[in-house]
Each structure stands twice: as C-alpha cells, then as structure tokens.
Amino acid sequence: MSAGLKFAGLALVIAAVFGGAYGVGQLVGPVSPEPAPAAHEGMAEEGHGGHGAAVPKGLQVSQDGMTLDVLSTGLVAGQPADFTFRILDEAGDAVTRFTETHDRLMHLIVARRDLSGFQHVHPAMAADGTWHVPLTFPNAGDYRVFADYRVRDADEGLTLGADVPVAGDYVPAPLPGPALTVAVGEYRVLLSGTLTPGTTSRLTLTVDRDGVPVTDLQPYLAAYGHLVALRQGDLAYLHVHPDGAPGDGTTSAGPNIVFYAEVPSAGTYRLYLDFKHGDTVRTAEFTVVAGEHGHE
C-alpha cells in the first residue's frame, strides 16, 4: 500500500510478517478500487437497503424504520446505574426479534464525546423489549452510546447512536497524541499498516507481554480481537472483526491480529482493540491520523 498512516508526521511502517485472521469493515459504502477480502458475517454491515453509500454508522438515532430510545435519565458520574433502552419500530413498539452477532444479541459501545471513557458491554433484554446493563460512567460529560445489533431475518445489522448527558464536574480530557505502541498493564500492542480514506486498509495489531509475543490469545465473542474506530468530532463509528474463527485450523491465536477497515474521510480517529488473554479482556487505545493532511 502506498499511502502512509500518519502518526505525528511520521508514516507507519507496514509489518514485514502478517499473521492472524483477516476481516472487512466499512464506515461508508463505496467499493475499494482493489479487490477486498470477502465480508465477515458480523455486525452492522454498510449499505442498508441497496440505495448506494450510506452515511457513516452511529450518527443517527433513527434509521431504516428503527429508533434507539434511551430510557435512563439522571445519570451521575461515578455512580453505578441500571442503564436501559429500547429499539423501537416505525409504529413505536419495542422490537424483540434479534439474532446473535458474535455470541451476543446486543453490543453497546460507550464513549465520551472527547473519545475517553470507552466501554464495550452486552445488555440483556427483558420480555418487553427493554435492554438492561449495569453501567458506570466514570466522569461527567456528554457520552455517545451505540447500539450495534441485527434484527432476526434482516440481511444486515444496524448501528444507532444517541447522546447521553452525565452530571458532575466536567473536566475535558485531551486526546492522546498518535503513537505506534501502547501499553495495557504488562502487555504492549504495536499498530502497523496504513489507513487511507476511501479505500480498504490493512491494519495489524501485534500483542506481546513483557516483551514476549503472545501466541495464545483466547477467543472473545467468537474472535481473537475486536476493533472499534470513532472519528473525532462527530464520532462516526466502525466495528470490524478479523476473518476466520478460533479453532478453525488456520487462524492463529496471535501475536498478530489483522483487520481490513475503511474510513470515509481524512481525519483523526481513535481505535480501540479488545483482546482476551489470561481470562481477562483488555482494551488497547490508539490515536490515528488518516489522510495526507490529517485533520484539524
């Protein structure tokens, strides 16, 4: 790939050896000029209804006749809450017919609008279609919640987003600068690859522990890794998974996890990688600037 992923003015070097599994995710509908791997059957694929390019995921509270209805109010920073919401149909009735995507009926992604406070949780649905999940918002501010799901018998998944205010003393959190490597406790994750707007980009995330490559990643939600990207400013949403499945005889359990992703524009993105090792799910967070001129 020719275009470089810019980190503080430095081009990313593509890793010499790519392992792990391959997947495809898109924030926007245009087809890459180069052949892309087959789409991974998973969450919220793009292009609903066959009407061409869709808007980036997560920017709308209502789409395709469905609405994300947040029921929780009076949220306070640092106080545990039973966070509740529904998915409503065009008649205003709660939807109850869902199908699993990556071992869950619903994936709820949470982030404050400054891209801090990321959480990936899995609510449970009551018989009346109300979703519940224990949730603590660590700091005050405006958060974005993304309901990522698929209705039973639907051809594709859907991601709806809504803003949620959380009371308390608000202190802005500056976005960390771009970096190739981040530490998560004794683990280190290296990001290699390119991220070029409008084309399918290959990203490799390599996990080691105390300098030793991790080759026994554990399956988490039917994959060895989950990658979420949020665009700074409007929080356009992307969630992709590596292709292949743990235990399929060809997909390695680390240290490399390979993703294919497409972002719609130049800009600054926050990437969140969930991976499981030692029976614990950890999240590595990266700031990435996509496009020749970056974003401001």
Protein backbone atom coordinates (compact mmCIF):
# COMPACT_ATOMS: atom_id res chain seq x y z
CA MET A 1 0.00 0.00 0.00
CA SER A 2 1.29 3.35 -0.90
CA ALA A 3 -0.44 5.78 1.41
CA GLY A 4 1.02 6.10 4.91
CA LEU A 5 -0.86 6.29 8.14
CA LYS A 6 0.49 9.49 9.68
CA PHE A 7 1.46 9.45 13.32
CA ALA A 8 2.67 12.91 14.38
CA GLY A 9 4.07 13.50 10.93
CA LEU A 10 5.69 10.03 10.60
CA ALA A 11 4.49 7.38 8.13
CA LEU A 12 3.54 3.99 9.54
CA VAL A 13 5.78 1.11 8.52
CA ILE A 14 3.86 -1.94 7.37
CA ALA A 15 4.81 -5.03 9.35
CA ALA A 16 7.02 -7.49 7.48
CA VAL A 17 5.08 -10.54 8.58
CA PHE A 18 1.31 -10.54 8.80
CA GLY A 19 -0.39 -13.27 10.82
CA GLY A 20 -3.73 -13.79 12.43
CA ALA A 21 -7.03 -13.58 10.62
CA TYR A 22 -8.49 -11.26 8.06
CA GLY A 23 -11.72 -9.26 8.15
CA VAL A 24 -13.52 -6.46 6.38
CA GLY A 25 -15.35 -3.45 7.83
CA GLN A 26 -16.63 -0.26 6.27
CA LEU A 27 -17.84 3.07 7.55
CA VAL A 28 -19.12 4.09 4.13
CA GLY A 29 -20.40 2.33 1.05
CA PRO A 30 -18.01 2.92 -1.91
CA VAL A 31 -16.19 -0.14 -3.18
CA SER A 32 -12.42 -0.19 -2.84
CA PRO A 33 -10.57 0.11 -6.16
CA GLU A 34 -8.66 -3.07 -5.25
CA PRO A 35 -10.32 -6.44 -4.61
CA ALA A 36 -11.12 -6.81 -0.92
CA PRO A 37 -11.48 -9.98 1.13
CA ALA A 38 -14.97 -11.39 1.49
CA ALA A 39 -17.08 -9.55 4.04
CA HIS A 40 -17.10 -11.02 7.52
CA GLU A 41 -20.56 -12.03 8.62
CA GLY A 42 -20.97 -9.90 11.69
CA MET A 43 -22.24 -6.62 12.96
CA ALA A 44 -23.75 -3.72 11.09
CA GLU A 45 -22.52 -4.12 7.55
CA GLU A 46 -22.87 -1.00 5.45
CA GLY A 47 -25.24 -0.08 2.63
CA HIS A 48 -28.73 -0.67 4.01
CA GLY A 49 -31.50 -1.07 1.51
CA GLY A 50 -29.27 -1.22 -1.56
CA HIS A 51 -29.52 2.51 -2.24
CA GLY A 52 -25.80 3.18 -2.55
CA ALA A 53 -23.48 4.63 0.03
CA ALA A 54 -24.96 5.03 3.48
CA VAL A 55 -23.99 7.66 5.99
CA PRO A 56 -21.35 6.50 8.47
CA LYS A 57 -22.69 4.28 11.20
CA GLY A 58 -23.74 5.57 14.58
CA LEU A 59 -24.53 9.14 13.51
CA GLN A 60 -28.31 8.62 13.51
CA VAL A 61 -30.70 7.86 16.33
CA SER A 62 -33.25 6.62 13.77
CA GLN A 63 -32.60 4.64 10.61
CA ASP A 64 -34.37 2.06 8.44
CA GLY A 65 -37.57 2.42 10.46
CA MET A 66 -35.90 1.85 13.82
CA THR A 67 -35.12 4.23 16.67
CA LEU A 68 -32.79 3.99 19.67
CA ASP A 69 -34.89 5.04 22.67
CA VAL A 70 -32.73 5.70 25.76
CA LEU A 71 -34.81 5.37 28.92
CA SER A 72 -32.20 6.13 31.59
CA THR A 73 -32.15 9.66 33.00
CA GLY A 74 -30.43 11.39 35.90
CA LEU A 75 -27.09 9.70 35.32
CA VAL A 76 -24.30 10.88 37.61
CA ALA A 77 -20.57 10.39 37.14
CA GLY A 78 -19.11 7.57 39.21
CA GLN A 79 -22.48 6.19 40.33
CA PRO A 80 -23.47 2.70 39.09
CA ALA A 81 -26.72 2.68 37.13
CA ASP A 82 -29.05 0.18 35.51
CA PHE A 83 -28.77 1.62 32.02
CA THR A 84 -31.91 0.93 30.00
CA PHE A 85 -33.02 1.48 26.42
CA ARG A 86 -35.26 0.06 23.69
CA ILE A 87 -35.18 -0.33 19.93
CA LEU A 88 -38.49 0.92 18.53
CA ASP A 89 -40.07 0.12 15.18
CA GLU A 90 -41.98 2.52 12.95
CA ALA A 91 -45.13 2.03 15.00
CA GLY A 92 -43.32 2.94 18.21
CA ASP A 93 -43.37 -0.61 19.53
CA ALA A 94 -40.33 -2.23 21.13
CA VAL A 95 -38.51 -4.68 18.86
CA THR A 96 -37.92 -8.09 20.45
CA ARG A 97 -36.78 -10.21 17.50
CA PHE A 98 -32.97 -10.13 17.42
CA THR A 99 -30.35 -12.57 16.25
CA GLU A 100 -26.89 -13.10 17.69
CA THR A 101 -23.84 -11.45 16.17
CA HIS A 102 -20.57 -12.61 17.70
CA ASP A 103 -22.24 -14.51 20.52
CA ARG A 104 -24.46 -11.65 21.68
CA LEU A 105 -27.87 -10.22 20.78
CA MET A 106 -26.75 -6.66 21.52
CA HIS A 107 -23.39 -4.88 21.63
CA LEU A 108 -23.42 -1.49 23.36
CA ILE A 109 -20.43 0.77 22.78
CA VAL A 110 -19.99 3.80 25.06
CA ALA A 111 -17.56 6.73 24.75
CA ARG A 112 -17.49 10.28 25.97
CA ARG A 113 -17.54 12.83 23.16
CA ASP A 114 -13.86 13.62 23.74
CA LEU A 115 -13.23 9.88 22.97
CA SER A 116 -12.38 8.98 26.58
CA GLY A 117 -14.27 6.51 28.80
CA PHE A 118 -14.64 3.73 26.20
CA GLN A 119 -16.71 0.69 27.20
CA HIS A 120 -17.98 -2.32 25.25
CA VAL A 121 -20.78 -4.08 27.14
CA HIS A 122 -23.57 -6.55 26.42
CA PRO A 123 -27.05 -5.76 27.75
CA ALA A 124 -29.75 -8.33 28.45
CA MET A 125 -33.25 -7.95 27.05
CA ALA A 126 -36.42 -8.27 29.12
CA ALA A 127 -39.57 -9.80 27.69
CA ASP A 128 -41.00 -6.36 26.88
CA GLY A 129 -38.01 -5.43 24.71
CA THR A 130 -36.26 -3.24 27.29
CA TRP A 131 -32.48 -3.73 27.42
CA HIS A 132 -30.67 -3.53 30.78
CA VAL A 133 -26.96 -3.36 31.59
CA PRO A 134 -25.06 -2.29 34.74
CA LEU A 135 -23.07 0.75 33.68
CA THR A 136 -20.92 3.33 35.43
CA PHE A 137 -19.91 6.48 33.59
CA PRO A 138 -16.53 7.33 35.13
CA ASN A 139 -16.58 11.09 34.51
CA ALA A 140 -19.11 13.81 33.81
CA GLY A 141 -19.86 14.98 30.30
CA ASP A 142 -21.78 14.12 27.17
CA TYR A 143 -21.44 10.49 26.11
CA ARG A 144 -22.39 8.71 22.90
CA VAL A 145 -23.94 5.26 23.15
CA PHE A 146 -24.04 2.97 20.11
CA ALA A 147 -26.50 0.08 19.86
CA ASP A 148 -24.95 -2.45 17.47
CA TYR A 149 -27.32 -5.32 16.59
CA ARG A 150 -29.15 -7.31 13.96
CA VAL A 151 -32.88 -7.94 13.81
CA ARG A 152 -33.92 -11.53 13.14
CA ASP A 153 -34.33 -12.31 9.41
CA ALA A 154 -32.67 -9.00 8.43
CA ASP A 155 -30.00 -9.14 5.75
CA GLU A 156 -27.71 -6.73 7.58
CA GLY A 157 -27.00 -5.33 11.01
CA LEU A 158 -27.60 -1.77 12.14
CA THR A 159 -25.86 0.69 14.45
CA LEU A 160 -27.85 3.52 16.03
CA GLY A 161 -26.34 6.23 18.25
CA ALA A 162 -27.68 8.62 20.88
CA ASP A 163 -26.17 11.25 23.19
CA VAL A 164 -26.43 10.73 26.95
CA PRO A 165 -25.67 13.51 29.48
CA VAL A 166 -23.86 12.54 32.68
CA ALA A 167 -23.93 15.03 35.58
CA GLY A 168 -20.91 16.05 37.65
CA ASP A 169 -17.87 18.29 37.49
CA TYR A 170 -16.76 18.20 33.87
CA VAL A 171 -13.03 18.14 33.15
CA PRO A 172 -12.07 17.81 29.47
CA ALA A 173 -9.62 15.03 28.62
CA PRO A 174 -7.15 15.93 25.85
CA LEU A 175 -6.90 13.34 23.12
CA PRO A 176 -3.60 11.44 23.40
CA GLY A 177 -1.24 12.02 20.52
CA PRO A 178 -0.65 9.44 17.78
CA ALA A 179 1.66 6.57 18.73
CA LEU A 180 2.63 3.24 17.22
CA THR A 181 2.71 1.37 20.54
CA VAL A 182 0.52 1.47 23.63
CA ALA A 183 0.87 -0.30 26.95
CA VAL A 184 -2.00 -2.10 28.70
CA GLY A 185 -0.54 -3.17 32.01
CA GLU A 186 2.25 -5.67 31.27
CA TYR A 187 1.01 -6.01 27.70
CA ARG A 188 2.20 -3.97 24.72
CA VAL A 189 0.30 -3.61 21.44
CA LEU A 190 2.00 -2.44 18.23
CA LEU A 191 -0.05 -0.98 15.38
CA SER A 192 1.26 -1.40 11.83
CA GLY A 193 -0.31 -0.74 8.45
CA THR A 194 -1.93 2.09 6.56
CA LEU A 195 -5.23 3.90 6.92
CA THR A 196 -6.22 5.69 3.73
CA PRO A 197 -9.67 7.30 3.41
CA GLY A 198 -11.99 5.76 0.86
CA THR A 199 -10.00 2.55 0.38
CA THR A 200 -9.76 -0.71 2.26
CA SER A 201 -6.81 -0.53 4.62
CA ARG A 202 -4.96 -3.42 6.26
CA LEU A 203 -4.07 -2.94 9.91
CA THR A 204 -2.05 -5.37 12.01
CA LEU A 205 -2.09 -5.24 15.80
CA THR A 206 0.65 -7.27 17.48
CA VAL A 207 0.39 -8.23 21.15
CA ASP A 208 3.27 -9.08 23.46
CA ARG A 209 3.59 -9.49 27.22
CA ASP A 210 6.75 -8.30 28.92
CA GLY A 211 8.42 -8.40 25.52
CA VAL A 212 7.35 -11.96 24.69
CA PRO A 213 4.91 -12.41 21.75
CA VAL A 214 1.50 -13.63 22.87
CA THR A 215 0.61 -16.71 20.83
CA ASP A 216 -2.27 -18.00 22.95
CA LEU A 217 -4.88 -15.26 22.75
CA GLN A 218 -8.24 -16.50 23.96
CA PRO A 219 -11.45 -16.34 21.91
CA TYR A 220 -13.61 -13.39 22.87
CA LEU A 221 -17.05 -13.12 21.26
CA ALA A 222 -16.06 -15.66 18.60
CA ALA A 223 -12.88 -13.86 17.53
CA TYR A 224 -9.33 -13.11 18.68
CA GLY A 225 -9.89 -9.38 18.53
CA HIS A 226 -12.49 -6.66 18.05
CA LEU A 227 -11.64 -3.25 16.67
CA VAL A 228 -13.79 -0.14 17.06
CA ALA A 229 -12.91 3.19 15.43
CA LEU A 230 -14.52 6.54 16.27
CA ARG A 231 -13.90 9.68 14.24
CA GLN A 232 -13.03 12.77 16.28
CA GLY A 233 -15.68 15.45 16.03
CA ASP A 234 -18.82 13.54 15.09
CA LEU A 235 -17.97 10.05 16.40
CA ALA A 236 -18.70 8.23 13.16
CA TYR A 237 -18.49 4.56 14.07
CA LEU A 238 -16.75 1.48 12.69
CA HIS A 239 -16.64 -2.01 14.24
CA VAL A 240 -14.75 -4.79 12.47
CA HIS A 241 -13.59 -8.29 13.32
CA PRO A 242 -10.82 -10.47 11.96
CA ASP A 243 -11.89 -13.09 9.45
CA GLY A 244 -11.60 -16.74 10.35
CA ALA A 245 -12.60 -18.31 13.62
CA PRO A 246 -10.68 -19.57 16.64
CA GLY A 247 -10.13 -23.29 16.32
CA ASP A 248 -10.73 -23.40 12.56
CA GLY A 249 -7.27 -24.87 11.96
CA THR A 250 -5.94 -21.88 10.04
CA THR A 251 -6.47 -18.83 12.27
CA SER A 252 -3.55 -18.24 14.60
CA ALA A 253 -4.04 -17.14 18.21
CA GLY A 254 -1.58 -14.25 18.00
CA PRO A 255 0.63 -12.43 18.27
CA ASN A 256 -0.74 -10.68 15.14
CA ILE A 257 -4.38 -9.76 14.62
CA VAL A 258 -5.14 -8.41 11.14
CA PHE A 259 -8.11 -6.26 10.19
CA TYR A 260 -9.33 -4.65 6.99
CA ALA A 261 -11.16 -1.38 7.55
CA GLU A 262 -12.40 1.56 5.51
CA VAL A 263 -12.79 5.09 6.84
CA PRO A 264 -14.79 7.71 4.90
CA SER A 265 -12.59 10.77 5.27
CA ALA A 266 -9.28 12.23 6.29
CA GLY A 267 -9.27 12.97 9.97
CA THR A 268 -8.30 11.89 13.44
CA TYR A 269 -9.63 8.56 14.69
CA ARG A 270 -9.47 6.74 17.99
CA LEU A 271 -9.01 2.98 17.66
CA TYR A 272 -9.99 0.58 20.45
CA LEU A 273 -8.78 -3.03 20.30
CA ASP A 274 -10.42 -5.56 22.64
CA PHE A 275 -8.42 -8.76 23.16
CA LYS A 276 -8.56 -11.54 25.76
CA HIS A 277 -5.63 -13.21 27.50
CA GLY A 278 -5.30 -14.78 30.93
CA ASP A 279 -9.12 -14.86 31.17
CA THR A 280 -9.25 -11.05 31.12
CA VAL A 281 -10.45 -8.75 28.35
CA ARG A 282 -8.20 -5.73 27.83
CA THR A 283 -8.53 -2.68 25.61
CA ALA A 284 -5.65 -1.02 23.77
CA GLU A 285 -6.39 2.52 22.52
CA PHE A 286 -4.64 4.31 19.66
CA THR A 287 -4.96 7.76 18.09
CA VAL A 288 -4.57 7.63 14.32
CA VAL A 289 -4.48 10.40 11.71
CA ALA A 290 -5.79 9.24 8.33
CA GLY A 291 -5.11 11.03 5.04
CA GLU A 292 -2.26 13.12 3.70
CA HIS A 293 -3.18 16.29 5.51
CA GLY A 294 -4.71 14.84 8.66
CA HIS A 295 -7.48 16.64 10.46
CA GLU A 296 -7.97 19.73 12.44
